[in-house]
Protein backbone atom coordinates (compact mmCIF):
# COMPACT_ATOMS: atom_id res chain seq x y z
CA MET A 1 -1.92 -7.08 21.08
CA PRO A 2 1.86 -7.73 21.00
CA ASP A 3 3.20 -10.23 18.50
CA SER A 4 4.54 -12.50 21.28
CA ALA A 5 0.96 -13.04 22.55
CA ARG A 6 -0.54 -13.85 19.15
CA PRO A 7 -1.49 -17.50 18.65
CA GLU A 8 0.03 -19.33 15.66
CA LEU A 9 -1.98 -21.14 12.99
CA THR A 10 -0.76 -23.24 10.06
CA LEU A 11 -1.65 -23.18 6.37
CA LEU A 12 -0.83 -25.91 3.84
CA ILE A 13 -1.11 -25.27 0.08
CA GLN A 14 -1.50 -28.20 -2.35
CA ASN A 15 -1.78 -28.60 -6.13
CA VAL A 16 -1.61 -24.90 -7.02
CA PRO A 17 0.82 -23.19 -9.43
CA ASP A 18 4.01 -21.75 -7.98
CA THR A 19 2.85 -18.23 -8.86
CA GLU A 20 -0.25 -18.61 -6.69
CA ARG A 21 1.81 -20.10 -3.84
CA THR A 22 4.23 -17.15 -4.02
CA LYS A 23 1.33 -14.68 -3.99
CA ALA A 24 -0.19 -16.34 -0.93
CA ALA A 25 3.10 -16.07 0.97
CA ALA A 26 3.43 -12.39 -0.01
CA PHE A 27 -0.17 -11.69 1.05
CA LEU A 28 0.57 -13.20 4.48
CA ARG A 29 3.56 -10.89 4.92
CA VAL A 30 1.96 -7.60 3.88
CA GLY A 31 -1.44 -8.28 5.47
CA SER A 32 -0.37 -9.73 8.81
CA ASP A 33 -1.73 -6.73 10.74
CA ARG A 34 -5.23 -7.52 9.45
CA LEU A 35 -5.18 -10.91 11.18
CA GLU A 36 -5.30 -11.78 14.87
CA CYS A 37 -2.96 -14.78 14.57
CA ASP A 38 0.49 -15.48 13.14
CA TRP A 39 0.21 -17.79 10.11
CA ALA A 40 2.93 -20.25 9.06
CA LEU A 41 3.14 -22.16 5.76
CA VAL A 42 3.79 -25.87 6.39
CA SER A 43 4.12 -29.00 4.24
CA SER A 44 3.22 -31.72 6.78
CA GLY A 45 1.93 -32.35 10.29
CA ASP A 46 -1.14 -30.84 11.87
CA VAL A 47 -2.78 -28.27 9.60
CA ASP A 48 -5.38 -25.69 10.59
CA VAL A 49 -6.35 -24.56 7.05
CA LEU A 50 -5.81 -26.40 3.76
CA LEU A 51 -5.83 -24.59 0.39
CA HIS A 52 -5.77 -26.93 -2.61
CA GLY A 53 -6.28 -26.55 -6.34
CA GLY A 54 -7.36 -30.06 -7.31
CA ASP A 55 -10.60 -31.99 -7.14
CA GLY A 56 -9.66 -33.29 -3.70
CA PRO A 57 -6.80 -32.87 -1.22
CA ASP A 58 -3.83 -35.23 -1.22
CA THR A 59 -2.69 -37.22 1.79
CA ILE A 60 -0.85 -35.01 4.30
CA PRO A 61 2.08 -36.73 6.07
CA GLY A 62 1.80 -36.68 9.86
CA LEU A 63 -1.76 -35.33 9.90
CA LEU A 64 -3.71 -36.54 12.94
CA ASP A 65 -6.90 -34.47 12.69
CA GLU A 66 -8.71 -33.07 9.70
CA PRO A 67 -8.07 -29.37 8.93
CA VAL A 68 -10.61 -27.08 10.55
CA ALA A 69 -11.14 -25.24 7.25
CA THR A 70 -10.53 -26.40 3.67
CA LEU A 71 -10.41 -23.88 0.82
CA ARG A 72 -10.37 -24.70 -2.87
CA LEU A 73 -8.74 -22.53 -5.56
CA VAL A 74 -10.83 -22.63 -8.76
CA ASP A 75 -11.09 -20.68 -12.00
CA ALA A 76 -13.15 -17.50 -11.82
CA SER A 77 -15.88 -19.06 -13.99
CA GLU A 78 -16.32 -21.89 -11.44
CA ASN A 79 -16.49 -19.64 -8.37
CA THR A 80 -20.26 -19.68 -8.00
CA PRO A 81 -22.10 -18.52 -4.84
CA ALA A 82 -22.92 -22.16 -4.05
CA LYS A 83 -19.24 -22.90 -3.46
CA ARG A 84 -18.75 -21.11 -0.15
CA ASN A 85 -15.19 -22.32 0.44
CA ALA A 86 -13.92 -21.54 -3.07
CA LEU A 87 -11.41 -18.81 -3.97
CA ALA A 88 -11.14 -17.54 -7.53
CA ARG A 89 -7.96 -17.97 -9.54
CA PRO A 90 -5.88 -15.81 -9.85
CA LEU A 91 -5.77 -15.41 -6.08
CA GLN A 92 -6.91 -11.97 -4.89
CA PHE A 93 -5.62 -10.22 -1.75
CA GLU A 94 -9.00 -9.27 -0.27
CA ASP A 95 -10.59 -12.70 -0.83
CA PHE A 96 -7.57 -14.52 0.62
CA MET A 97 -7.33 -12.34 3.74
CA ASN A 98 -11.09 -12.50 4.38
CA ALA A 99 -11.01 -16.31 4.13
CA LEU A 100 -8.19 -16.53 6.69
CA ALA A 101 -9.96 -14.08 9.02
CA ALA A 102 -13.10 -16.24 8.84
CA ALA A 103 -11.00 -19.33 9.58
CA GLU A 104 -9.52 -17.59 12.63
CA GLY A 105 -12.98 -16.92 14.01
CA LYS A 106 -13.94 -20.55 13.45
CA ILE A 107 -10.77 -21.93 15.04
CA MET A 108 -10.16 -19.53 17.91
CA GLY A 109 -13.74 -18.49 18.68
CA PRO A 110 -14.25 -15.54 21.03
CA ALA A 111 -10.69 -15.88 22.34
CA VAL A 112 -9.33 -14.19 19.23
CA LYS A 113 -11.29 -11.01 19.94
CA MET A 114 -9.74 -8.16 21.85
CA ALA A 115 -10.60 -8.01 25.57
CA PRO A 116 -13.13 -5.28 26.42
CA THR A 117 -11.89 -2.12 28.11
CA PRO A 118 -12.37 -2.46 31.89
CA VAL A 119 -15.00 -0.16 33.39
CA PRO A 120 -13.92 1.70 36.55
CA PRO A 121 -15.96 0.77 39.67
CA ARG A 122 -18.78 3.05 40.73
CA ALA A 123 -18.42 5.27 43.76
CA PRO A 124 -20.04 3.98 46.99
CA VAL A 125 -23.71 4.86 47.42
CA ALA A 126 -23.07 7.10 50.45
CA VAL A 127 -20.46 9.18 48.63
CA ALA A 128 -22.63 9.45 45.54
CA ALA A 129 -25.58 10.64 47.66
CA LEU A 130 -23.47 13.31 49.38
CA VAL A 131 -22.22 14.56 46.03
CA ALA A 132 -25.79 14.75 44.71
CA VAL A 133 -27.02 16.68 47.79
CA ALA A 134 -24.11 19.11 47.58
CA ALA A 135 -24.80 19.72 43.92
CA VAL A 136 -28.47 20.55 44.63
CA ALA A 137 -27.72 22.74 47.66
CA ALA A 138 -24.96 24.81 46.09
CA PRO A 139 -24.99 24.74 42.31
CA ILE A 140 -21.68 25.67 40.81
CA ALA A 141 -21.65 28.50 38.30
CA VAL A 142 -20.01 27.35 35.11
CA ALA A 143 -18.18 29.97 33.11
CA ALA A 144 -19.11 30.38 29.48
CA PRO A 145 -16.81 28.45 27.18
CA VAL A 146 -14.06 30.51 25.65
CA ALA A 147 -13.44 29.98 21.97
CA VAL A 148 -9.82 29.04 21.44
CA LYS A 149 -8.39 29.50 18.01
CA ALA A 150 -6.49 26.45 16.88
CA PRO A 151 -2.87 27.10 15.92
CA ALA A 152 -1.91 27.05 12.26
CA VAL A 153 0.30 24.01 12.83
CA ALA A 154 -2.74 21.87 13.73
CA VAL A 155 -4.40 22.75 10.43
CA GLN A 156 -1.32 21.81 8.48
CA ALA A 157 -1.10 18.46 10.29
CA THR A 158 -4.55 17.42 9.06
CA SER A 159 -4.00 18.38 5.42
CA PHE A 160 -1.76 16.71 2.85
CA MET A 161 -0.70 18.13 -0.48
CA LEU A 162 0.77 16.03 -3.25
CA GLU A 163 4.21 17.05 -4.49
CA SER A 164 4.47 17.86 -8.19
CA ARG A 165 7.52 15.59 -8.51
CA GLY A 166 6.91 13.43 -5.44
CA ALA A 167 7.46 9.69 -5.07
CA TYR A 168 5.56 7.87 -2.32
CA ARG A 169 6.19 4.74 -0.25
CA LEU A 170 4.19 3.23 2.61
CA ARG A 171 5.64 3.57 6.11
CA ARG A 172 3.33 0.74 7.26
CA TRP A 173 0.32 -1.15 5.89
CA PRO A 174 -2.89 0.96 5.91
CA PRO A 175 -5.65 0.13 8.42
CA SER A 176 -8.63 -1.88 7.25
CA ARG A 177 -10.95 1.15 7.19
CA LEU A 178 -8.90 2.53 4.26
CA LEU A 179 -8.99 -0.79 2.38
CA LEU A 180 -12.36 -2.44 2.99
CA GLY A 181 -14.99 -1.39 0.47
CA HIS A 182 -12.40 0.07 -1.92
CA ARG A 183 -11.69 -2.01 -4.97
CA TYR A 184 -8.18 -0.80 -5.81
CA HIS A 185 -6.68 0.37 -2.50
CA ALA A 186 -5.04 -2.97 -1.64
CA ARG A 187 -3.51 -3.14 -5.13
CA LEU A 188 -2.13 0.41 -4.85
CA SER A 189 -0.77 -0.32 -1.37
CA GLY A 190 1.06 -3.37 -2.69
CA PHE A 191 3.01 -1.29 -5.22
CA MET A 192 3.88 1.39 -2.65
CA SER A 193 4.99 -1.14 -0.02
CA VAL A 194 8.05 -2.13 -2.09
CA ARG A 195 9.60 1.19 -3.21
CA HIS A 196 8.93 4.87 -3.84
CA VAL A 197 6.48 5.32 -6.74
CA GLY A 198 5.39 8.54 -8.46
CA LEU A 199 1.75 9.35 -9.21
CA ASP A 200 1.96 8.73 -12.96
CA GLU A 201 3.95 5.51 -12.51
CA LEU A 202 1.52 4.26 -9.86
CA ALA A 203 -1.44 4.82 -12.18
CA ARG A 204 0.36 3.06 -15.04
CA LEU A 205 1.48 0.03 -13.00
CA SER A 206 -1.85 -0.51 -11.25
CA ASN A 207 -4.09 0.39 -14.23
CA VAL A 208 -6.05 2.72 -11.92
CA SER A 209 -7.11 6.25 -12.88
CA ILE A 210 -5.05 9.26 -11.82
CA ALA A 211 -8.00 10.65 -9.82
CA ASP A 212 -8.41 7.44 -7.76
CA CYS A 213 -4.66 7.30 -7.11
CA GLN A 214 -4.64 10.95 -5.99
CA SER A 215 -7.53 10.53 -3.55
CA PHE A 216 -5.94 7.43 -1.99
CA LEU A 217 -2.54 9.14 -1.68
CA VAL A 218 -4.15 12.13 0.07
CA ALA A 219 -5.94 9.79 2.49
CA LEU A 220 -2.69 7.94 3.26
CA GLY A 221 -0.74 11.18 3.66
CA THR A 222 -3.34 12.62 6.03
CA GLU A 223 -2.93 9.51 8.20
CA GLY A 224 0.87 9.94 8.19
CA LEU A 225 1.40 6.63 6.38
CA LEU A 226 3.49 7.93 3.46
CA ASP A 227 7.21 8.52 3.11
CA VAL A 228 7.57 11.25 0.46
CA LYS A 229 10.68 11.71 -1.66
CA VAL A 230 10.94 14.60 -4.13
CA VAL A 231 12.55 13.54 -7.40
CA PRO A 232 14.82 16.31 -8.82
CA ALA A 233 13.92 17.64 -12.24
CA PRO A 234 16.18 16.48 -15.08
CA VAL A 235 18.92 19.00 -15.92
CA SER A 236 18.70 20.26 -19.49
CA LEU A 237 22.13 20.66 -21.07
CA PRO A 238 22.67 23.49 -23.61
CA SER A 239 22.86 22.27 -27.16
CA PRO A 240 26.29 22.63 -28.81
CA PRO A 241 26.69 25.45 -31.39
CA PRO A 242 26.26 24.38 -35.01
CA ARG A 243 29.47 23.42 -36.72
CA ALA A 244 30.56 25.30 -39.80
CA ALA A 245 30.29 23.35 -43.00
CA ALA A 246 33.61 21.99 -44.17
CA PRO A 247 34.81 23.40 -47.53
CA CYS A 248 34.56 21.11 -50.50
CA PRO A 249 37.81 19.61 -51.80
CA GLY A 250 39.54 21.96 -54.21
CA GLN A 251 37.54 24.98 -53.07
CA ARG A 252 39.71 27.91 -52.02
CA PRO A 253 38.75 29.73 -48.84
CA GLU A 254 37.59 33.32 -49.06
CA ILE A 255 40.65 35.61 -48.79
CA GLY A 256 39.03 39.06 -48.48
CA LEU A 257 38.64 42.17 -50.66
CA PHE A 258 42.31 42.65 -51.61
CA GLY A 259 42.62 39.03 -52.62
CA LYS A 260 39.64 39.42 -54.95
CA LEU A 261 41.19 42.56 -56.56
CA ARG A 262 44.53 40.80 -57.10
CA ARG A 263 42.72 37.85 -58.62
CA ARG A 264 40.73 40.13 -60.96
CA LEU A 265 43.87 41.99 -62.08
CA GLY A 266 45.66 38.70 -62.71
CA LEU A 267 48.17 39.29 -59.95
CA ASP A 268 47.32 36.12 -58.02
CA ALA A 269 50.19 33.80 -58.89
CA SER A 270 48.62 30.80 -57.16
CA LYS A 271 45.51 30.87 -59.35
């Protein structure tokens, strides 16, 4: 569905810390392809969804009708199953996006769903009958299928190998089938959506194991969603040669065999 045809819904956030408000705005940007509508943050007027962090919402200037959905941001210890419209603080990407998707279904109804693929019309009965009679009267011999060996390029296109010094960045946000049901995939995608990140750095920033990061990177690379940049190895410079120890003050430098003989015979006038 093109963006110009997407309906627009509004979200108002009240009585929540600035960090949570900033996270919500960032989640809307990076997860827009998971939603069927374009969402706009507003501070007044008609509101489709209200997210507040207090005991009750404040008065909204210019509001004519009540919001269709009201969400409350509470501490994780208060987010019990009985509170269906509660989101745990700190705000999590998956919970926030799922709540907005549910609000879309409540607001838009079946109109938000994609239109079914049209089915081509059936052939007229007379034509279908003639085709059936011809098939019975003169069966067509079908040649045995010939095994065609797939080219090597096709095999390479479906496999993805991690670079030993590679840094990875998302070309676009992964589809929901790579994120739903996986606890850390949205977090890893968030780090890779900003800049190129190496495997070790990604594991350290996200606090996710190397093995989980590797498997997710391979899945993204197989889908063609990664931009890979190879980081050059650091150049090791040769160490400088050791410097000769400076002679102590008053110590005469070594002058060779003849100098020693002259000194022993008392012929060294400078001694």
